[in-house]
C-alpha atoms as a PDB file:
ATOM      1  CA  MET A   1     149.112  74.412 102.888  1.00  0.00           C
ATOM      2  CA  PRO A   2     148.810  72.539  99.584  1.00  0.00           C
ATOM      3  CA  LYS A   3     147.494  69.059  99.253  1.00  0.00           C
ATOM      4  CA  THR A   4     147.448  67.292  95.929  1.00  0.00           C
ATOM      5  CA  THR A   5     144.175  66.054  94.472  1.00  0.00           C
ATOM      6  CA  LYS A   6     143.633  62.488  93.215  1.00  0.00           C
ATOM      7  CA  SER A   7     144.814  63.636  89.784  1.00  0.00           C
ATOM      8  CA  GLY A   8     148.120  64.766  91.320  1.00  0.00           C
ATOM      9  CA  LYS A   9     147.332  68.463  90.869  1.00  0.00           C
ATOM     10  CA  PRO A  10     147.731  70.782  93.849  1.00  0.00           C
ATOM     11  CA  LYS A  11     144.652  72.559  95.188  1.00  0.00           C
ATOM     12  CA  GLN A  12     144.945  76.092  93.779  1.00  0.00           C
ATOM     13  CA  ASP A  13     143.472  77.868  96.788  1.00  0.00           C
ATOM     14  CA  GLU A  14     146.093  76.304  99.077  1.00  0.00           C
ATOM     15  CA  LEU A  15     149.124  77.417  97.050  1.00  0.00           C
ATOM     16  CA  PRO A  16     151.033  80.624  97.811  1.00  0.00           C
ATOM     17  CA  SER A  17     149.909  83.403  95.440  1.00  0.00           C
ATOM     18  CA  THR A  18     153.235  83.456  93.574  1.00  0.00           C
ATOM     19  CA  LEU A  19     152.767  79.779  92.723  1.00  0.00           C
ATOM     20  CA  GLN A  20     149.161  80.290  91.627  1.00  0.00           C
ATOM     21  CA  ARG A  21     150.606  82.493  88.844  1.00  0.00           C
ATOM     22  CA  SER A  22     153.316  79.954  87.957  1.00  0.00           C
ATOM     23  CA  PRO A  23     153.540  76.934  85.627  1.00  0.00           C
ATOM     24  CA  ALA A  24     151.807  73.702  86.655  1.00  0.00           C
ATOM     25  CA  GLU A  25     155.179  71.964  87.055  1.00  0.00           C
ATOM     26  CA  ALA A  26     156.260  74.516  89.675  1.00  0.00           C
ATOM     27  CA  GLN A  27     152.967  74.050  91.495  1.00  0.00           C
ATOM     28  CA  ARG A  28     153.357  70.259  91.510  1.00  0.00           C
ATOM     29  CA  THR A  29     156.981  70.463  92.669  1.00  0.00           C
ATOM     30  CA  PHE A  30     156.057  72.666  95.605  1.00  0.00           C
ATOM     31  CA  ALA A  31     152.927  70.688  96.559  1.00  0.00           C
ATOM     32  CA  LYS A  32     154.599  67.269  96.417  1.00  0.00           C
ATOM     33  CA  ALA A  33     157.606  68.475  98.424  1.00  0.00           C
ATOM     34  CA  HIS A  34     155.296  70.131 100.944  1.00  0.00           C
ATOM     35  CA  ASP A  35     153.105  67.021 101.331  1.00  0.00           C
ATOM     36  CA  SER A  36     156.195  64.859 101.837  1.00  0.00           C
ATOM     37  CA  ALA A  37     157.667  67.299 104.364  1.00  0.00           C
ATOM     38  CA  VAL A  38     154.390  67.396 106.309  1.00  0.00           C
ATOM     39  CA  GLU A  39     154.497  63.595 106.579  1.00  0.00           C
ATOM     40  CA  GLU A  40     158.086  63.788 107.844  1.00  0.00           C
ATOM     41  CA  TYR A  41     158.022  66.913 110.038  1.00  0.00           C
ATOM     42  CA  GLY A  42     154.339  67.874 110.474  1.00  0.00           C
ATOM     43  CA  GLU A  43     152.636  71.105 109.357  1.00  0.00           C
ATOM     44  CA  GLY A  44     154.507  74.326 109.868  1.00  0.00           C
ATOM     45  CA  GLU A  45     157.483  76.426 108.953  1.00  0.00           C
ATOM     46  CA  ARG A  46     159.863  73.506 108.385  1.00  0.00           C
ATOM     47  CA  ALA A  47     157.524  71.924 105.821  1.00  0.00           C
ATOM     48  CA  ASN A  48     157.202  75.283 104.035  1.00  0.00           C
ATOM     49  CA  ARG A  49     160.976  75.841 103.981  1.00  0.00           C
ATOM     50  CA  THR A  50     161.510  72.325 102.629  1.00  0.00           C
ATOM     51  CA  ALA A  51     158.964  72.864  99.841  1.00  0.00           C
ATOM     52  CA  TYR A  52     160.500  76.201  98.825  1.00  0.00           C
ATOM     53  CA  ALA A  53     163.988  74.649  98.836  1.00  0.00           C
ATOM     54  CA  ALA A  54     162.785  71.925  96.456  1.00  0.00           C
ATOM     55  CA  LEU A  55     161.121  74.535  94.242  1.00  0.00           C
ATOM     56  CA  LYS A  56     164.290  76.665  94.098  1.00  0.00           C
ATOM     57  CA  HIS A  57     166.316  73.778  92.664  1.00  0.00           C
ATOM     58  CA  SER A  58     164.331  73.905  89.412  1.00  0.00           C
ATOM     59  CA  PHE A  59     162.658  77.335  89.396  1.00  0.00           C
ATOM     60  CA  GLU A  60     163.567  80.944  90.067  1.00  0.00           C
ATOM     61  CA  LYS A  61     161.337  83.794  91.114  1.00  0.00           C
ATOM     62  CA  VAL A  62     160.852  86.406  88.392  1.00  0.00           C
ATOM     63  CA  GLY A  63     158.553  89.212  89.411  1.00  0.00           C
ATOM     64  CA  ASP A  64     155.383  87.798  90.950  1.00  0.00           C
ATOM     65  CA  HIS A  65     155.760  84.182  89.725  1.00  0.00           C
ATOM     66  CA  TRP A  66     158.233  81.298  89.307  1.00  0.00           C
ATOM     67  CA  GLU A  67     159.916  80.335  86.012  1.00  0.00           C
ATOM     68  CA  PRO A  68     162.009  77.255  85.124  1.00  0.00           C
ATOM     69  CA  LYS A  69     165.761  77.669  85.604  1.00  0.00           C
ATOM     70  CA  ASP A  70     168.196  76.961  82.776  1.00  0.00           C
ATOM     71  CA  GLU A  71     170.172  74.620  85.027  1.00  0.00           C
ATOM     72  CA  LYS A  72     168.938  72.729  88.069  1.00  0.00           C
ATOM     73  CA  GLY A  73     170.647  73.192  91.403  1.00  0.00           C
ATOM     74  CA  PRO A  74     170.575  75.299  94.555  1.00  0.00           C
ATOM     75  CA  SER A  75     169.707  78.940  93.985  1.00  0.00           C
ATOM     76  CA  ASP A  76     171.981  80.456  96.633  1.00  0.00           C
ATOM     77  CA  GLN A  77     174.484  79.597  99.349  1.00  0.00           C
ATOM     78  CA  GLN A  78     171.735  79.094 101.946  1.00  0.00           C
ATOM     79  CA  ALA A  79     169.975  76.494  99.793  1.00  0.00           C
ATOM     80  CA  LYS A  80     173.306  74.873  98.988  1.00  0.00           C
ATOM     81  CA  GLY A  81     174.204  74.510 102.668  1.00  0.00           C
ATOM     82  CA  GLY A  82     170.998  72.829 103.788  1.00  0.00           C
ATOM     83  CA  ARG A  83     169.486  72.799 107.245  1.00  0.00           C
ATOM     84  CA  GLY A  84     171.455  74.478 109.980  1.00  0.00           C
ATOM     85  CA  THR A  85     173.283  76.939 107.747  1.00  0.00           C
ATOM     86  CA  ASN A  86     172.883  80.598 108.539  1.00  0.00           C
ATOM     87  CA  ARG A  87     173.606  82.339 105.279  1.00  0.00           C
ATOM     88  CA  LYS A  88     171.669  85.069 103.522  1.00  0.00           C
ATOM     89  CA  THR A  89     169.021  83.786 101.112  1.00  0.00           C
ATOM     90  CA  ALA A  90     168.333  85.413  97.755  1.00  0.00           C
ATOM     91  CA  GLY A  91     164.564  84.950  98.069  1.00  0.00           C
ATOM     92  CA  GLY A  92     164.110  82.810  94.983  1.00  0.00           C
ATOM     93  CA  VAL A  93     166.591  84.685  92.783  1.00  0.00           C
ATOM     94  CA  ASP A  94     169.037  82.251  91.186  1.00  0.00           C
ATOM     95  CA  ALA A  95     172.150  83.850  92.691  1.00  0.00           C
ATOM     96  CA  ASN A  96     174.300  81.061  91.224  1.00  0.00           C
ATOM     97  CA  ALA A  97     173.290  81.973  87.661  1.00  0.00           C
ATOM     98  CA  SER A  98     175.659  83.832  85.354  1.00  0.00           C
ATOM     99  CA  LYS A  99     175.818  87.610  85.420  1.00  0.00           C
ATOM    100  CA  SER A 100     174.431  87.705  81.875  1.00  0.00           C
ATOM    101  CA  HIS A 101     171.396  85.655  82.946  1.00  0.00           C
ATOM    102  CA  LEU A 102     170.822  87.936  85.930  1.00  0.00           C
ATOM    103  CA  TYR A 103     171.112  90.943  83.620  1.00  0.00           C
ATOM    104  CA  GLU A 104     168.404  89.467  81.346  1.00  0.00           C
ATOM    105  CA  VAL A 105     166.101  88.882  84.325  1.00  0.00           C
ATOM    106  CA  ALA A 106     166.750  92.455  85.512  1.00  0.00           C
ATOM    107  CA  LYS A 107     165.964  93.689  82.010  1.00  0.00           C
ATOM    108  CA  LYS A 108     162.680  91.738  82.011  1.00  0.00           C
ATOM    109  CA  LEU A 109     161.819  93.365  85.346  1.00  0.00           C
ATOM    110  CA  ASP A 110     162.895  96.817  84.060  1.00  0.00           C
ATOM    111  CA  VAL A 111     165.459  97.314  86.844  1.00  0.00           C
ATOM    112  CA  PRO A 112     167.032 100.763  86.413  1.00  0.00           C
ATOM    113  CA  GLY A 113     170.855 101.008  86.305  1.00  0.00           C
ATOM    114  CA  ARG A 114     171.265  97.288  85.623  1.00  0.00           C
ATOM    115  CA  SER A 115     174.005  97.729  83.019  1.00  0.00           C
ATOM    116  CA  SER A 116     176.483  99.083  85.571  1.00  0.00           C
ATOM    117  CA  MET A 117     175.646  96.651  88.415  1.00  0.00           C
ATOM    118  CA  THR A 118     177.850  93.890  89.762  1.00  0.00           C
ATOM    119  CA  LYS A 119     176.473  90.366  89.993  1.00  0.00           C
ATOM    120  CA  ASP A 120     175.678  90.799  93.710  1.00  0.00           C
ATOM    121  CA  GLN A 121     173.953  94.109  93.019  1.00  0.00           C
ATOM    122  CA  LEU A 122     171.864  92.475  90.280  1.00  0.00           C
ATOM    123  CA  VAL A 123     170.764  89.714  92.672  1.00  0.00           C
ATOM    124  CA  GLU A 124     169.712  92.299  95.267  1.00  0.00           C
ATOM    125  CA  ALA A 125     167.949  94.513  92.706  1.00  0.00           C
ATOM    126  CA  ILE A 126     166.057  91.528  91.239  1.00  0.00           C
ATOM    127  CA  GLN A 127     165.019  90.428  94.712  1.00  0.00           C
ATOM    128  CA  LYS A 128     163.624  93.909  95.458  1.00  0.00           C
ATOM    129  CA  ALA A 129     161.834  94.059  92.082  1.00  0.00           C
ATOM    130  CA  ASN A 130     160.325  90.621  92.748  1.00  0.00           C
ATOM    131  CA  GLU A 131     159.069  91.755  96.153  1.00  0.00           C
ATOM    132  CA  ARG A 132     157.509  94.903  94.651  1.00  0.00           C
ATOM    133  CA  GLN A 133     155.727  92.968  91.912  1.00  0.00           C
ATOM    134  CA  THR A 134     154.479  90.345  94.361  1.00  0.00           C
ATOM    135  CA  ARG A 135     153.076  93.046  96.677  1.00  0.00           C
ATOM    136  CA  LYS A 136     151.428  94.742  93.711  1.00  0.00           C
ATOM    137  CA  SER A 137     149.862  91.465  92.520  1.00  0.00           C
ATOM    138  CA  ARG A 138     148.449  90.719  95.972  1.00  0.00           C
ATOM    139  CA  SER A 139     146.696  94.075  96.324  1.00  0.00           C
END
């Protein structure tokens, strides 16, 4: 997984594809958190989860990349609870954002039926749209 270069930039080929298409700040956030977690826990799933948790405090997944959030903080109840919680994750969608923000993200992703969806339905629809766009970008 990512290591930062002497200049502090993460190595592009070691970043997940969604981060390769994201702003440099998102890349640095993920890489620094991952490097720190590797020092603490060693390589593996725990280091990856830690890096994504750090990323989700400042960025949200929109389609096949990450964008800065309007307000920093945990993106869902799983991220809010920390290690040992067993709650459903929103996969990078900022589930704590307002319904109007989620509607705008759904609009950007061209989610059909968004105007009549509840907040929870918007979160789920955005998550599915993100997964589709990420799959499409990888192929």
